[in-house]
Amino acid sequence: MTDLRKLIYGDSSDPRIELEELFGSDGAHRLAAAQEWGRGVIHDAGLTADQQVHVIRALRRAEPRLSLKPATFLAAQLARLPRAARALRG
C-alpha cells in the first residue's frame, strides 16, 4: 500500500537516505561511497555520466535494491561532478 500512496500523493522521501543505507556514509561527505560505487559502475558499463538514462539503468542493474528515485539522484550527482573527478576511477 505504501507504493500506491507514493503514486497518489507523490514521493517526498529523501533519496540520500536510501543511498546512505545501501552504501554507508564516511561522515565528511555523506554520499562519497555511493558516488565512488556509481563511478565504478559507469566505467565498467562503458558509459559516460552524461548518458543519464543508461547510467540509471546500469546503476539499478548493478544494485537491484536501488530504487528509481535514488538512482536518478545519484546519476544526476555523477553528471555534475567535474570530468577530472569522474575520471578518477578509469
Protein backbone atom coordinates (compact mmCIF):
# COMPACT_ATOMS: atom_id res chain seq x y z
CA MET A 1 0.00 0.00 0.00
CA THR A 2 2.92 2.35 0.57
CA ASP A 3 3.80 2.38 -3.13
CA LEU A 4 0.21 3.28 -4.02
CA ARG A 5 0.35 6.20 -1.61
CA LYS A 6 3.57 7.39 -3.23
CA LEU A 7 1.89 7.24 -6.63
CA ILE A 8 -1.15 9.17 -5.48
CA TYR A 9 0.44 11.74 -3.17
CA GLY A 10 3.95 11.88 -4.58
CA ASP A 11 7.19 10.58 -3.17
CA SER A 12 8.63 13.15 -0.81
CA SER A 13 11.32 10.86 0.59
CA ASP A 14 14.94 12.00 0.50
CA PRO A 15 16.91 9.81 -1.96
CA ARG A 16 20.09 10.42 0.04
CA ILE A 17 18.71 8.37 2.91
CA GLU A 18 18.37 5.24 0.76
CA LEU A 19 21.83 5.79 -0.70
CA GLU A 20 23.32 6.09 2.79
CA GLU A 21 21.52 2.93 3.90
CA LEU A 22 22.89 0.98 0.94
CA PHE A 23 26.41 2.38 0.78
CA GLY A 24 27.10 3.86 4.20
CA SER A 25 28.47 7.27 4.98
CA ASP A 26 32.00 8.44 5.65
CA GLY A 27 30.85 11.40 7.72
CA ALA A 28 32.68 14.18 5.85
CA HIS A 29 30.80 13.61 2.62
CA ARG A 30 27.55 11.73 3.05
CA LEU A 31 27.40 10.38 -0.49
CA ALA A 32 31.07 9.68 -1.17
CA ALA A 33 30.72 5.88 -1.05
CA ALA A 34 27.69 5.89 -3.34
CA GLN A 35 29.41 8.22 -5.80
CA GLU A 36 32.55 6.09 -5.84
CA TRP A 37 30.47 2.98 -6.47
CA GLY A 38 28.50 4.80 -9.18
CA ARG A 39 31.67 5.92 -10.96
CA GLY A 40 32.81 2.30 -10.97
CA VAL A 41 29.51 1.10 -12.42
CA ILE A 42 29.66 3.75 -15.15
CA HIS A 43 33.23 2.81 -16.00
CA ASP A 44 32.50 -0.94 -16.05
CA ALA A 45 29.46 -0.38 -18.28
CA GLY A 46 31.49 1.70 -20.73
CA LEU A 47 29.22 4.71 -20.28
CA THR A 48 29.77 8.38 -19.64
CA ALA A 49 27.98 10.19 -16.81
CA ASP A 50 26.18 12.32 -19.41
CA GLN A 51 24.20 9.29 -20.64
CA GLN A 52 21.69 9.73 -17.83
CA VAL A 53 19.07 7.12 -18.75
CA HIS A 54 21.68 4.45 -19.48
CA VAL A 55 23.51 5.28 -16.25
CA ILE A 56 20.31 4.91 -14.20
CA ARG A 57 19.66 1.54 -15.81
CA ALA A 58 23.24 0.38 -15.16
CA LEU A 59 23.08 1.51 -11.53
CA ARG A 60 19.83 -0.35 -10.90
CA ARG A 61 21.10 -3.49 -12.62
CA ALA A 62 24.27 -3.42 -10.54
CA GLU A 63 22.33 -2.93 -7.29
CA PRO A 64 18.76 -4.30 -7.50
CA ARG A 65 17.82 -2.81 -4.11
CA LEU A 66 18.35 0.69 -5.51
CA SER A 67 15.00 2.27 -6.31
CA LEU A 68 14.39 4.69 -9.17
CA LYS A 69 14.42 7.98 -7.25
CA PRO A 70 17.83 7.45 -5.56
CA ALA A 71 19.29 6.05 -8.81
CA THR A 72 18.14 9.15 -10.67
CA PHE A 73 19.52 11.38 -7.93
CA LEU A 74 22.88 9.59 -7.98
CA ALA A 75 23.09 9.73 -11.79
CA ALA A 76 22.44 13.48 -11.67
CA GLN A 77 25.12 13.92 -9.00
CA LEU A 78 27.64 11.96 -11.07
CA ALA A 79 26.84 14.02 -14.16
CA ARG A 80 27.54 17.23 -12.21
CA LEU A 81 30.94 16.11 -10.97
CA PRO A 82 33.89 17.67 -12.77
CA ARG A 83 35.25 15.43 -15.53
CA ALA A 84 38.52 15.01 -13.61
CA ALA A 85 36.66 13.61 -10.60
CA ARG A 86 34.63 11.31 -12.85
CA ALA A 87 37.79 10.02 -14.47
CA LEU A 88 39.46 9.08 -11.16
CA ARG A 89 38.04 5.61 -11.44
CA GLY A 90 39.04 4.97 -15.05
